[in-house]
Amino acid sequence: MATSRRAFLQWSATASVVGASATGTALAQEQQDGQSANTIAHGSQASGKTPLVHLSRAFPEQGPQVLAKMETMNPTGSHKDRIARSMIDSARKGGKLSSDPRVVAASAGPFGIALASVCAAESIPTTIVIPDNVSPKVVATLQQLGADVVATPAAEGMKGAHEKAAAIAEKTPNSWFADQFSDPVSMQAYHDTLGPELWEDANGKVDVLVLGVGSGGSLSGVGKYLKEKNPNIEVIAVEPEASAALSGGEHSPHQMHGIGVGFVAKNVDRDLLDRTMKVSNDDAAAWQSKVGRLEGIPTGLTSAANLAAIAKLANDPAYKGKRICTCICDNGSRESG
C-alpha cells in the first residue's frame, strides 16, 4: 500500500530540475540520459509519494480501519512542502516575482519553513510572520534557512500574523505576499498530488477523510479530489475547541499550531464539508502519546487532533468497518522550546 521513496526518486529523475544554474542544467541532462537516477537538484523535488500507514494498534480491527499518510516524510517535515514550490513557480509564471523579489508570508511554522527552504535554494529573501507563541525551534529553523522572522501577539492568532504579513508586503518594494489562506494554487497543489496519492494508495477504497482545518488548502484540495472520485465519501474538518471558527467559536491561543487559525480562510470550501468536529488540547495530547506508544510514530498536537477526532468516530457503531483516512502532518519535534 505504501509507495517507496526509491521509486519516487526514480520517477523524479524525469522531472524538471529546479534552478537555472549550469550545474542544475547539467544534472537535468544527466537525469534525462538515465544517469543519477537517485539524484535531484533540490529537496522540494522530493516532496510527495509518502507512505500510507495502517494504524492497526491504535485502532483495533473491531472498529474502523484507519490509514494515515506520513506527510512528515516530506523534505522539511510537513505536507506544506507540496505547496511551497507550486506557489513560487506559479507566482513566477504569473509575473508576480520581480527580478529582485522578496517573498512575505504568515505561518505558524510548517508553511513558513517549507517556503523559506524553496526560496533559500533560489536566493530569494523571505520574511515570515509568526504568532509569538510559536516554538523557538520554529524560529531557529526559519533563521537557519535565512528568513527574517517577525512576531505578532499570540492573542491575535494567525489573523494578526496574516494582516501583518499583508501590510509588510504592501509597503516593501518588489515583494510578493505568499498567501496560503487565499491563493488557489495551494488548494490545487493538494488536489493534484496528495488527493491522487491517497486514493491510489488506498486502492480507491476510502469512506471518510478526517483532516484539521487551518488555511483550508489540504482539506479542500484533497476533499475535492476524493469527492470527484466518489461523492459519497464523508469529509470531516477538525478544529481546536479553543479556536473553532467553522463552528462559530471565538479564538483563543492554543497549541495545535497550523489549525484553528481564528478565521475561516478563503481556501476553505464549506460545500465539501459533511461535518466539523472539535478537539480539546487534552484529547490531542493524549493521542499524541498513544500513537507514539502503540505505533512508534511521533506526532505533533495538530496531527494528534486528527486521531482524537477519529477516536470519537470509532466509538460510533455507524463507522464500524469503514475506512477512515487522515494525515500525520507534523512530528512534534518543533513544538517545545
C-alpha atoms as a PDB file:
ATOM      1  CA  MET A   1       0.000   0.000   0.000  1.00  0.00           C
ATOM      2  CA  ALA A   2       2.876   2.376   0.742  1.00  0.00           C
ATOM      3  CA  THR A   3       4.816   3.864  -2.145  1.00  0.00           C
ATOM      4  CA  SER A   4       8.567   3.591  -1.748  1.00  0.00           C
ATOM      5  CA  ARG A   5      10.818   6.615  -1.562  1.00  0.00           C
ATOM      6  CA  ARG A   6      13.250   4.978  -4.006  1.00  0.00           C
ATOM      7  CA  ALA A   7      10.508   4.574  -6.606  1.00  0.00           C
ATOM      8  CA  PHE A   8       9.649   8.235  -6.237  1.00  0.00           C
ATOM      9  CA  LEU A   9      13.245   9.332  -6.641  1.00  0.00           C
ATOM     10  CA  GLN A  10      13.494   7.284  -9.811  1.00  0.00           C
ATOM     11  CA  TRP A  11      10.297   8.928 -11.026  1.00  0.00           C
ATOM     12  CA  SER A  12      11.579  12.392 -10.095  1.00  0.00           C
ATOM     13  CA  ALA A  13      14.664  11.867 -12.249  1.00  0.00           C
ATOM     14  CA  THR A  14      12.470  12.581 -15.275  1.00  0.00           C
ATOM     15  CA  ALA A  15      11.022  15.746 -13.716  1.00  0.00           C
ATOM     16  CA  SER A  16      12.273  19.250 -14.421  1.00  0.00           C
ATOM     17  CA  VAL A  17      15.200  20.318 -12.270  1.00  0.00           C
ATOM     18  CA  VAL A  18      14.769  23.331 -10.009  1.00  0.00           C
ATOM     19  CA  GLY A  19      17.053  26.268 -10.729  1.00  0.00           C
ATOM     20  CA  ALA A  20      18.776  27.557 -13.828  1.00  0.00           C
ATOM     21  CA  SER A  21      22.421  27.134 -12.831  1.00  0.00           C
ATOM     22  CA  ALA A  22      24.903  25.393 -15.102  1.00  0.00           C
ATOM     23  CA  THR A  23      25.203  22.609 -12.530  1.00  0.00           C
ATOM     24  CA  GLY A  24      21.429  22.197 -12.416  1.00  0.00           C
ATOM     25  CA  THR A  25      21.208  22.144 -16.199  1.00  0.00           C
ATOM     26  CA  ALA A  26      23.948  19.520 -16.421  1.00  0.00           C
ATOM     27  CA  LEU A  27      22.212  17.422 -13.777  1.00  0.00           C
ATOM     28  CA  ALA A  28      18.929  17.706 -15.631  1.00  0.00           C
ATOM     29  CA  GLN A  29      20.615  16.390 -18.784  1.00  0.00           C
ATOM     30  CA  GLU A  30      22.179  13.526 -16.834  1.00  0.00           C
ATOM     31  CA  GLN A  31      18.770  12.613 -15.473  1.00  0.00           C
ATOM     32  CA  GLN A  32      17.204  12.704 -18.920  1.00  0.00           C
ATOM     33  CA  ASP A  33      20.014  10.426 -20.131  1.00  0.00           C
ATOM     34  CA  GLY A  34      19.188   7.936 -17.424  1.00  0.00           C
ATOM     35  CA  GLN A  35      22.110   8.785 -15.138  1.00  0.00           C
ATOM     36  CA  SER A  36      21.960   9.906 -11.481  1.00  0.00           C
ATOM     37  CA  ALA A  37      18.583   8.226 -11.045  1.00  0.00           C
ATOM     38  CA  ASN A  38      18.569   8.912  -7.305  1.00  0.00           C
ATOM     39  CA  THR A  39      19.847  12.496  -7.500  1.00  0.00           C
ATOM     40  CA  ILE A  40      17.668  15.594  -7.505  1.00  0.00           C
ATOM     41  CA  ALA A  41      18.640  19.256  -7.683  1.00  0.00           C
ATOM     42  CA  HIS A  42      16.658  20.497  -4.690  1.00  0.00           C
ATOM     43  CA  GLY A  43      14.835  18.944  -1.761  1.00  0.00           C
ATOM     44  CA  SER A  44      11.482  20.363  -2.863  1.00  0.00           C
ATOM     45  CA  GLN A  45      11.528  17.832  -5.708  1.00  0.00           C
ATOM     46  CA  ALA A  46      11.401  15.050  -3.131  1.00  0.00           C
ATOM     47  CA  SER A  47       8.012  16.076  -1.743  1.00  0.00           C
ATOM     48  CA  GLY A  48       5.122  13.684  -2.070  1.00  0.00           C
ATOM     49  CA  LYS A  49       4.814   9.935  -2.581  1.00  0.00           C
ATOM     50  CA  THR A  50       4.697   9.469   1.183  1.00  0.00           C
ATOM     51  CA  PRO A  51       3.733   6.082   2.672  1.00  0.00           C
ATOM     52  CA  LEU A  52       0.218   5.261   3.786  1.00  0.00           C
ATOM     53  CA  VAL A  53       0.272   3.504   7.163  1.00  0.00           C
ATOM     54  CA  HIS A  54      -2.405   1.305   8.716  1.00  0.00           C
ATOM     55  CA  LEU A  55      -2.759   2.342  12.380  1.00  0.00           C
ATOM     56  CA  SER A  56      -3.846  -1.123  13.448  1.00  0.00           C
ATOM     57  CA  ARG A  57      -2.618  -0.971  17.040  1.00  0.00           C
ATOM     58  CA  ALA A  58      -4.109   2.379  17.904  1.00  0.00           C
ATOM     59  CA  PHE A  59      -7.399   1.448  16.250  1.00  0.00           C
ATOM     60  CA  PRO A  60      -8.192  -2.299  16.646  1.00  0.00           C
ATOM     61  CA  GLU A  61      -9.940  -4.146  13.835  1.00  0.00           C
ATOM     62  CA  GLN A  62     -13.329  -4.273  15.573  1.00  0.00           C
ATOM     63  CA  GLY A  63     -13.750  -0.587  14.764  1.00  0.00           C
ATOM     64  CA  PRO A  64     -12.946   1.389  11.611  1.00  0.00           C
ATOM     65  CA  GLN A  65      -9.759   0.832   9.625  1.00  0.00           C
ATOM     66  CA  VAL A  66      -7.601   3.947   9.977  1.00  0.00           C
ATOM     67  CA  LEU A  67      -4.973   4.808   7.353  1.00  0.00           C
ATOM     68  CA  ALA A  68      -2.587   7.762   7.669  1.00  0.00           C
ATOM     69  CA  LYS A  69      -0.382   9.421   5.058  1.00  0.00           C
ATOM     70  CA  MET A  70       3.051  10.028   6.586  1.00  0.00           C
ATOM     71  CA  GLU A  71       3.471  13.619   5.476  1.00  0.00           C
ATOM     72  CA  THR A  72       6.308  14.056   7.965  1.00  0.00           C
ATOM     73  CA  MET A  73       8.477  12.281   5.386  1.00  0.00           C
ATOM     74  CA  ASN A  74       8.443  15.330   3.119  1.00  0.00           C
ATOM     75  CA  PRO A  75      11.746  17.278   2.943  1.00  0.00           C
ATOM     76  CA  THR A  76      11.051  19.852   5.671  1.00  0.00           C
ATOM     77  CA  GLY A  77       8.807  17.531   7.664  1.00  0.00           C
ATOM     78  CA  SER A  78       5.284  18.516   6.678  1.00  0.00           C
ATOM     79  CA  HIS A  79       2.700  18.472   3.908  1.00  0.00           C
ATOM     80  CA  LYS A  80       3.402  22.176   3.276  1.00  0.00           C
ATOM     81  CA  ASP A  81       6.324  21.143   1.052  1.00  0.00           C
ATOM     82  CA  ARG A  82       3.688  20.173  -1.505  1.00  0.00           C
ATOM     83  CA  ILE A  83       2.507  23.756  -1.936  1.00  0.00           C
ATOM     84  CA  ALA A  84       5.601  25.918  -1.380  1.00  0.00           C
ATOM     85  CA  ARG A  85       7.243  25.046  -4.698  1.00  0.00           C
ATOM     86  CA  SER A  86       3.930  25.279  -6.584  1.00  0.00           C
ATOM     87  CA  MET A  87       3.173  28.734  -5.212  1.00  0.00           C
ATOM     88  CA  ILE A  88       6.633  30.092  -6.064  1.00  0.00           C
ATOM     89  CA  ASP A  89       6.531  28.625  -9.581  1.00  0.00           C
ATOM     90  CA  SER A  90       3.021  29.993 -10.165  1.00  0.00           C
ATOM     91  CA  ALA A  91       3.998  33.463  -8.925  1.00  0.00           C
ATOM     92  CA  ARG A  92       6.987  33.499 -11.249  1.00  0.00           C
ATOM     93  CA  LYS A  93       4.951  32.397 -14.266  1.00  0.00           C
ATOM     94  CA  GLY A  94       2.320  34.998 -13.439  1.00  0.00           C
ATOM     95  CA  GLY A  95       4.880  37.804 -13.305  1.00  0.00           C
ATOM     96  CA  LYS A  96       4.380  38.375  -9.578  1.00  0.00           C
ATOM     97  CA  LEU A  97       8.064  37.929  -8.757  1.00  0.00           C
ATOM     98  CA  SER A  98      10.340  40.767  -9.839  1.00  0.00           C
ATOM     99  CA  SER A  99      13.947  40.297 -10.862  1.00  0.00           C
ATOM    100  CA  ASP A 100      14.939  41.099  -7.273  1.00  0.00           C
ATOM    101  CA  PRO A 101      11.986  39.842  -5.213  1.00  0.00           C
ATOM    102  CA  ARG A 102      11.222  39.356  -1.553  1.00  0.00           C
ATOM    103  CA  VAL A 103       8.630  36.773  -0.501  1.00  0.00           C
ATOM    104  CA  VAL A 104       6.475  37.522   2.556  1.00  0.00           C
ATOM    105  CA  ALA A 105       4.194  35.026   4.303  1.00  0.00           C
ATOM    106  CA  ALA A 106       2.314  34.351   7.536  1.00  0.00           C
ATOM    107  CA  SER A 107       2.735  30.950   9.124  1.00  0.00           C
ATOM    108  CA  ALA A 108       2.571  29.020  12.382  1.00  0.00           C
ATOM    109  CA  GLY A 109       5.685  27.174  11.269  1.00  0.00           C
ATOM    110  CA  PRO A 110       5.406  24.416   8.636  1.00  0.00           C
ATOM    111  CA  PHE A 111       4.436  26.576   5.649  1.00  0.00           C
ATOM    112  CA  GLY A 112       6.991  29.239   6.530  1.00  0.00           C
ATOM    113  CA  ILE A 113       9.721  26.621   6.814  1.00  0.00           C
ATOM    114  CA  ALA A 114       8.770  24.953   3.515  1.00  0.00           C
ATOM    115  CA  LEU A 115       8.611  28.319   1.745  1.00  0.00           C
ATOM    116  CA  ALA A 116      11.894  29.534   3.220  1.00  0.00           C
ATOM    117  CA  SER A 117      13.542  26.296   2.087  1.00  0.00           C
ATOM    118  CA  VAL A 118      12.456  26.764  -1.530  1.00  0.00           C
ATOM    119  CA  CYS A 119      13.399  30.446  -1.501  1.00  0.00           C
ATOM    120  CA  ALA A 120      16.812  29.749   0.044  1.00  0.00           C
ATOM    121  CA  ALA A 121      17.628  27.414  -2.845  1.00  0.00           C
ATOM    122  CA  GLU A 122      16.801  30.224  -5.264  1.00  0.00           C
ATOM    123  CA  SER A 123      18.456  33.033  -3.261  1.00  0.00           C
ATOM    124  CA  ILE A 124      15.119  34.781  -2.713  1.00  0.00           C
ATOM    125  CA  PRO A 125      14.922  36.733   0.583  1.00  0.00           C
ATOM    126  CA  THR A 126      11.937  35.856   2.759  1.00  0.00           C
ATOM    127  CA  THR A 127      10.064  37.440   5.628  1.00  0.00           C
ATOM    128  CA  ILE A 128       7.940  35.069   7.715  1.00  0.00           C
ATOM    129  CA  VAL A 129       5.427  36.484  10.208  1.00  0.00           C
ATOM    130  CA  ILE A 130       4.510  34.192  13.119  1.00  0.00           C
ATOM    131  CA  PRO A 131       2.458  34.469  16.329  1.00  0.00           C
ATOM    132  CA  ASP A 132       4.836  34.951  19.261  1.00  0.00           C
ATOM    133  CA  ASN A 133       3.729  31.730  20.989  1.00  0.00           C
ATOM    134  CA  VAL A 134       5.283  29.622  18.211  1.00  0.00           C
ATOM    135  CA  SER A 135       8.135  27.421  19.441  1.00  0.00           C
ATOM    136  CA  PRO A 136      11.661  28.856  19.493  1.00  0.00           C
ATOM    137  CA  LYS A 137      12.644  25.794  17.457  1.00  0.00           C
ATOM    138  CA  VAL A 138      10.474  27.047  14.601  1.00  0.00           C
ATOM    139  CA  VAL A 139      12.135  30.463  14.801  1.00  0.00           C
ATOM    140  CA  ALA A 140      15.576  28.850  14.810  1.00  0.00           C
ATOM    141  CA  THR A 141      14.748  26.738  11.766  1.00  0.00           C
ATOM    142  CA  LEU A 142      13.416  29.728   9.846  1.00  0.00           C
ATOM    143  CA  GLN A 143      16.537  31.714  10.664  1.00  0.00           C
ATOM    144  CA  GLN A 144      18.721  28.779   9.666  1.00  0.00           C
ATOM    145  CA  LEU A 145      17.042  28.943   6.259  1.00  0.00           C
ATOM    146  CA  GLY A 146      17.856  32.636   6.015  1.00  0.00           C
ATOM    147  CA  ALA A 147      14.383  34.022   6.680  1.00  0.00           C
ATOM    148  CA  ASP A 148      13.695  37.267   8.508  1.00  0.00           C
ATOM    149  CA  VAL A 149      11.222  36.497  11.302  1.00  0.00           C
ATOM    150  CA  VAL A 150       8.603  38.947  12.562  1.00  0.00           C
ATOM    151  CA  ALA A 151       6.429  38.063  15.583  1.00  0.00           C
ATOM    152  CA  THR A 152       2.901  39.241  16.366  1.00  0.00           C
ATOM    153  CA  PRO A 153       0.951  38.892  19.647  1.00  0.00           C
ATOM    154  CA  ALA A 154      -0.331  35.357  20.251  1.00  0.00           C
ATOM    155  CA  ALA A 155      -3.673  36.774  21.332  1.00  0.00           C
ATOM    156  CA  GLU A 156      -4.222  37.978  17.754  1.00  0.00           C
ATOM    157  CA  GLY A 157      -3.734  34.440  16.423  1.00  0.00           C
ATOM    158  CA  MET A 158      -2.925  33.754  12.790  1.00  0.00           C
ATOM    159  CA  LYS A 159      -5.309  36.535  11.793  1.00  0.00           C
ATOM    160  CA  GLY A 160      -2.935  39.071  13.321  1.00  0.00           C
ATOM    161  CA  ALA A 161       0.093  37.453  11.668  1.00  0.00           C
ATOM    162  CA  HIS A 162      -1.730  37.341   8.331  1.00  0.00           C
ATOM    163  CA  GLU A 163      -2.678  41.012   8.488  1.00  0.00           C
ATOM    164  CA  LYS A 164       0.875  41.995   9.479  1.00  0.00           C
ATOM    165  CA  ALA A 165       2.368  39.983   6.598  1.00  0.00           C
ATOM    166  CA  ALA A 166      -0.011  41.628   4.127  1.00  0.00           C
ATOM    167  CA  ALA A 167       0.985  45.076   5.445  1.00  0.00           C
ATOM    168  CA  ILE A 168       4.712  44.292   5.178  1.00  0.00           C
ATOM    169  CA  ALA A 169       4.285  43.064   1.606  1.00  0.00           C
ATOM    170  CA  GLU A 170       2.312  46.147   0.648  1.00  0.00           C
ATOM    171  CA  LYS A 171       4.969  48.594   1.844  1.00  0.00           C
ATOM    172  CA  THR A 172       8.050  46.595   0.778  1.00  0.00           C
ATOM    173  CA  PRO A 173       9.225  47.204  -2.811  1.00  0.00           C
ATOM    174  CA  ASN A 174       9.362  44.175  -5.133  1.00  0.00           C
ATOM    175  CA  SER A 175       7.696  41.932  -2.564  1.00  0.00           C
ATOM    176  CA  TRP A 176       5.113  39.212  -3.103  1.00  0.00           C
ATOM    177  CA  PHE A 177       2.686  38.021  -0.421  1.00  0.00           C
ATOM    178  CA  ALA A 178       2.579  34.208  -0.477  1.00  0.00           C
ATOM    179  CA  ASP A 179      -0.910  33.884   0.977  1.00  0.00           C
ATOM    180  CA  GLN A 180      -1.619  30.221   1.704  1.00  0.00           C
ATOM    181  CA  PHE A 181      -5.042  31.174   3.039  1.00  0.00           C
ATOM    182  CA  SER A 182      -6.403  32.520  -0.236  1.00  0.00           C
ATOM    183  CA  ASP A 183      -4.094  31.518  -3.089  1.00  0.00           C
ATOM    184  CA  PRO A 184      -5.986  28.875  -5.126  1.00  0.00           C
ATOM    185  CA  VAL A 185      -2.634  27.353  -6.142  1.00  0.00           C
ATOM    186  CA  SER A 186      -2.365  25.993  -2.601  1.00  0.00           C
ATOM    187  CA  MET A 187      -5.613  24.064  -2.807  1.00  0.00           C
ATOM    188  CA  GLN A 188      -4.873  22.930  -6.373  1.00  0.00           C
ATOM    189  CA  ALA A 189      -1.469  21.555  -5.390  1.00  0.00           C
ATOM    190  CA  TYR A 190      -3.056  19.309  -2.765  1.00  0.00           C
ATOM    191  CA  HIS A 191      -5.794  18.322  -5.212  1.00  0.00           C
ATOM    192  CA  ASP A 192      -3.229  17.312  -7.818  1.00  0.00           C
ATOM    193  CA  THR A 193      -0.761  15.486  -5.545  1.00  0.00           C
ATOM    194  CA  LEU A 194      -1.996  14.405  -2.120  1.00  0.00           C
ATOM    195  CA  GLY A 195      -5.506  13.614  -3.344  1.00  0.00           C
ATOM    196  CA  PRO A 196      -4.473  11.167  -6.109  1.00  0.00           C
ATOM    197  CA  GLU A 197      -1.782   9.601  -3.918  1.00  0.00           C
ATOM    198  CA  LEU A 198      -4.225   8.908  -1.106  1.00  0.00           C
ATOM    199  CA  TRP A 199      -6.795   7.469  -3.489  1.00  0.00           C
ATOM    200  CA  GLU A 200      -4.287   5.228  -5.253  1.00  0.00           C
ATOM    201  CA  ASP A 201      -2.512   4.090  -2.078  1.00  0.00           C
ATOM    202  CA  ALA A 202      -5.881   3.137  -0.587  1.00  0.00           C
ATOM    203  CA  ASN A 203      -6.768   1.247  -3.783  1.00  0.00           C
ATOM    204  CA  GLY A 204      -9.756   3.517  -4.306  1.00  0.00           C
ATOM    205  CA  LYS A 205     -11.331   2.396  -1.035  1.00  0.00           C
ATOM    206  CA  VAL A 206     -11.959   5.487   1.090  1.00  0.00           C
ATOM    207  CA  ASP A 207     -15.092   6.066   3.164  1.00  0.00           C
ATOM    208  CA  VAL A 208     -14.117   9.045   5.308  1.00  0.00           C
ATOM    209  CA  LEU A 209     -11.480  11.811   5.183  1.00  0.00           C
ATOM    210  CA  VAL A 210     -10.578  13.470   8.503  1.00  0.00           C
ATOM    211  CA  LEU A 211      -8.241  16.491   8.414  1.00  0.00           C
ATOM    212  CA  GLY A 212      -7.572  19.538  10.530  1.00  0.00           C
ATOM    213  CA  VAL A 213      -8.542  22.881   9.056  1.00  0.00           C
ATOM    214  CA  GLY A 214      -6.297  25.931   9.069  1.00  0.00           C
ATOM    215  CA  SER A 215      -5.508  27.524   5.723  1.00  0.00           C
ATOM    216  CA  GLY A 216      -8.030  25.107   4.203  1.00  0.00           C
ATOM    217  CA  GLY A 217      -5.835  24.052   1.289  1.00  0.00           C
ATOM    218  CA  SER A 218      -5.240  20.412   2.181  1.00  0.00           C
ATOM    219  CA  LEU A 219      -8.760  19.742   3.464  1.00  0.00           C
ATOM    220  CA  SER A 220     -10.422  21.360   0.451  1.00  0.00           C
ATOM    221  CA  GLY A 221      -7.965  20.122  -2.163  1.00  0.00           C
ATOM    222  CA  VAL A 222      -7.921  16.502  -1.038  1.00  0.00           C
ATOM    223  CA  GLY A 223     -11.622  16.532  -0.194  1.00  0.00           C
ATOM    224  CA  LYS A 224     -12.493  17.844  -3.640  1.00  0.00           C
ATOM    225  CA  TYR A 225     -10.418  15.178  -5.382  1.00  0.00           C
ATOM    226  CA  LEU A 226     -11.908  12.344  -3.325  1.00  0.00           C
ATOM    227  CA  LYS A 227     -15.468  13.528  -3.857  1.00  0.00           C
ATOM    228  CA  GLU A 228     -14.772  13.694  -7.594  1.00  0.00           C
ATOM    229  CA  LYS A 229     -13.910  10.013  -7.349  1.00  0.00           C
ATOM    230  CA  ASN A 230     -16.781   9.132  -5.033  1.00  0.00           C
ATOM    231  CA  PRO A 231     -19.359  11.758  -3.977  1.00  0.00           C
ATOM    232  CA  ASN A 232     -20.361   9.564  -1.032  1.00  0.00           C
ATOM    233  CA  ILE A 233     -17.032   9.984   0.754  1.00  0.00           C
ATOM    234  CA  GLU A 234     -17.560  11.871   4.014  1.00  0.00           C
ATOM    235  CA  VAL A 235     -15.243  14.851   4.552  1.00  0.00           C
ATOM    236  CA  ILE A 236     -14.780  15.895   8.176  1.00  0.00           C
ATOM    237  CA  ALA A 237     -12.969  19.046   9.337  1.00  0.00           C
ATOM    238  CA  VAL A 238     -11.183  19.092  12.697  1.00  0.00           C
ATOM    239  CA  GLU A 239     -10.580  22.267  14.691  1.00  0.00           C
ATOM    240  CA  PRO A 240      -9.453  23.064  18.245  1.00  0.00           C
ATOM    241  CA  GLU A 241     -12.121  23.715  20.846  1.00  0.00           C
ATOM    242  CA  ALA A 242     -10.257  26.911  21.732  1.00  0.00           C
ATOM    243  CA  SER A 243     -10.469  28.282  18.185  1.00  0.00           C
ATOM    244  CA  ALA A 244     -13.387  26.751  16.322  1.00  0.00           C
ATOM    245  CA  ALA A 245     -14.155  29.372  13.664  1.00  0.00           C
ATOM    246  CA  LEU A 246     -16.078  26.964  11.427  1.00  0.00           C
ATOM    247  CA  SER A 247     -18.342  26.199  14.364  1.00  0.00           C
ATOM    248  CA  GLY A 248     -18.820  29.876  15.121  1.00  0.00           C
ATOM    249  CA  GLY A 249     -16.497  29.955  18.123  1.00  0.00           C
ATOM    250  CA  GLU A 250     -14.159  32.704  19.267  1.00  0.00           C
ATOM    251  CA  HIS A 251     -10.376  32.450  19.006  1.00  0.00           C
ATOM    252  CA  SER A 252      -8.121  31.933  21.984  1.00  0.00           C
ATOM    253  CA  PRO A 253      -4.479  30.783  21.956  1.00  0.00           C
ATOM    254  CA  HIS A 254      -3.882  27.025  21.713  1.00  0.00           C
ATOM    255  CA  GLN A 255      -1.058  24.605  20.957  1.00  0.00           C
ATOM    256  CA  MET A 256      -2.359  22.977  17.762  1.00  0.00           C
ATOM    257  CA  HIS A 257      -0.343  25.246  15.506  1.00  0.00           C
ATOM    258  CA  GLY A 258      -1.430  25.152  11.881  1.00  0.00           C
ATOM    259  CA  ILE A 259      -5.137  24.612  12.526  1.00  0.00           C
ATOM    260  CA  GLY A 260      -7.686  26.735  14.365  1.00  0.00           C
ATOM    261  CA  VAL A 261      -6.334  29.947  12.855  1.00  0.00           C
ATOM    262  CA  GLY A 262      -9.151  32.097  14.247  1.00  0.00           C
ATOM    263  CA  PHE A 263     -10.927  32.830  10.970  1.00  0.00           C
ATOM    264  CA  VAL A 264     -12.382  30.869   8.067  1.00  0.00           C
ATOM    265  CA  ALA A 265      -9.823  31.097   5.279  1.00  0.00           C
ATOM    266  CA  LYS A 266     -10.887  31.732   1.693  1.00  0.00           C
ATOM    267  CA  ASN A 267      -9.469  28.330   0.698  1.00  0.00           C
ATOM    268  CA  VAL A 268     -11.927  26.522   2.960  1.00  0.00           C
ATOM    269  CA  ASP A 269     -14.657  25.123   0.711  1.00  0.00           C
ATOM    270  CA  ARG A 270     -17.581  24.734   3.096  1.00  0.00           C
ATOM    271  CA  ASP A 271     -19.640  22.952   0.424  1.00  0.00           C
ATOM    272  CA  LEU A 272     -17.275  19.976   0.620  1.00  0.00           C
ATOM    273  CA  LEU A 273     -17.661  19.544   4.369  1.00  0.00           C
ATOM    274  CA  ASP A 274     -20.079  16.962   5.729  1.00  0.00           C
ATOM    275  CA  ARG A 275     -19.203  17.529   9.363  1.00  0.00           C
ATOM    276  CA  THR A 276     -16.989  19.564  11.702  1.00  0.00           C
ATOM    277  CA  MET A 277     -15.509  18.160  14.909  1.00  0.00           C
ATOM    278  CA  LYS A 278     -13.860  19.980  17.808  1.00  0.00           C
ATOM    279  CA  VAL A 279     -10.933  18.542  19.787  1.00  0.00           C
ATOM    280  CA  SER A 280      -9.552  19.703  23.123  1.00  0.00           C
ATOM    281  CA  ASN A 281      -5.872  20.229  23.869  1.00  0.00           C
ATOM    282  CA  ASP A 282      -6.047  17.406  26.423  1.00  0.00           C
ATOM    283  CA  ASP A 283      -7.529  14.926  23.949  1.00  0.00           C
ATOM    284  CA  ALA A 284      -4.925  15.824  21.332  1.00  0.00           C
ATOM    285  CA  ALA A 285      -2.121  15.435  23.887  1.00  0.00           C
ATOM    286  CA  ALA A 286      -3.474  12.033  24.952  1.00  0.00           C
ATOM    287  CA  TRP A 287      -3.477  10.804  21.353  1.00  0.00           C
ATOM    288  CA  GLN A 288      -0.039  12.259  20.730  1.00  0.00           C
ATOM    289  CA  SER A 289       1.215   9.963  23.488  1.00  0.00           C
ATOM    290  CA  LYS A 290      -0.918   6.984  22.460  1.00  0.00           C
ATOM    291  CA  VAL A 291       0.099   6.843  18.812  1.00  0.00           C
ATOM    292  CA  GLY A 292       3.719   7.169  19.853  1.00  0.00           C
ATOM    293  CA  ARG A 293       3.496   4.240  22.275  1.00  0.00           C
ATOM    294  CA  LEU A 294       1.335   1.952  20.146  1.00  0.00           C
ATOM    295  CA  GLU A 295       2.517   2.719  16.609  1.00  0.00           C
ATOM    296  CA  GLY A 296       6.020   4.088  17.188  1.00  0.00           C
ATOM    297  CA  ILE A 297       5.063   7.240  15.286  1.00  0.00           C
ATOM    298  CA  PRO A 298       5.953  10.649  16.742  1.00  0.00           C
ATOM    299  CA  THR A 299       3.320  13.285  16.034  1.00  0.00           C
ATOM    300  CA  GLY A 300       2.611  16.881  16.834  1.00  0.00           C
ATOM    301  CA  LEU A 301      -0.595  18.015  18.506  1.00  0.00           C
ATOM    302  CA  THR A 302      -2.047  19.048  15.140  1.00  0.00           C
ATOM    303  CA  SER A 303      -1.832  15.515  13.744  1.00  0.00           C
ATOM    304  CA  ALA A 304      -2.893  14.065  17.082  1.00  0.00           C
ATOM    305  CA  ALA A 305      -6.057  16.175  16.869  1.00  0.00           C
ATOM    306  CA  ASN A 306      -6.990  14.258  13.705  1.00  0.00           C
ATOM    307  CA  LEU A 307      -6.562  10.972  15.582  1.00  0.00           C
ATOM    308  CA  ALA A 308      -8.529  12.219  18.583  1.00  0.00           C
ATOM    309  CA  ALA A 309     -11.424  13.075  16.265  1.00  0.00           C
ATOM    310  CA  ILE A 310     -11.201   9.643  14.612  1.00  0.00           C
ATOM    311  CA  ALA A 311     -11.279   8.021  18.063  1.00  0.00           C
ATOM    312  CA  LYS A 312     -14.657   9.660  18.652  1.00  0.00           C
ATOM    313  CA  LEU A 313     -15.898   8.253  15.354  1.00  0.00           C
ATOM    314  CA  ALA A 314     -14.573   4.813  16.305  1.00  0.00           C
ATOM    315  CA  ASN A 315     -16.973   4.799  19.256  1.00  0.00           C
ATOM    316  CA  ASP A 316     -19.905   5.238  16.881  1.00  0.00           C
ATOM    317  CA  PRO A 317     -21.225   1.881  15.563  1.00  0.00           C
ATOM    318  CA  ALA A 318     -22.046   3.605  12.252  1.00  0.00           C
ATOM    319  CA  TYR A 319     -18.312   3.738  11.440  1.00  0.00           C
ATOM    320  CA  LYS A 320     -17.556   0.095  12.213  1.00  0.00           C
ATOM    321  CA  GLY A 321     -15.739  -1.492   9.271  1.00  0.00           C
ATOM    322  CA  LYS A 322     -15.341   1.815   7.432  1.00  0.00           C
ATOM    323  CA  ARG A 323     -12.005   3.035   6.079  1.00  0.00           C
ATOM    324  CA  ILE A 324     -11.022   6.404   7.520  1.00  0.00           C
ATOM    325  CA  CYS A 325      -8.068   8.283   6.026  1.00  0.00           C
ATOM    326  CA  THR A 326      -6.071  11.110   7.561  1.00  0.00           C
ATOM    327  CA  CYS A 327      -2.572  12.608   7.547  1.00  0.00           C
ATOM    328  CA  ILE A 328       0.299  12.741  10.013  1.00  0.00           C
ATOM    329  CA  CYS A 329       1.338  16.264   9.079  1.00  0.00           C
ATOM    330  CA  ASP A 330       3.865  17.027  11.823  1.00  0.00           C
ATOM    331  CA  ASN A 331       6.106  15.036  14.158  1.00  0.00           C
ATOM    332  CA  GLY A 332       6.126  17.373  17.155  1.00  0.00           C
ATOM    333  CA  SER A 333       9.872  17.983  17.070  1.00  0.00           C
ATOM    334  CA  ARG A 334       9.433  21.758  16.848  1.00  0.00           C
ATOM    335  CA  GLU A 335       6.612  22.151  19.343  1.00  0.00           C
ATOM    336  CA  SER A 336       8.524  22.819  22.560  1.00  0.00           C
ATOM    337  CA  GLY A 337      11.347  25.159  23.354  1.00  0.00           C
END
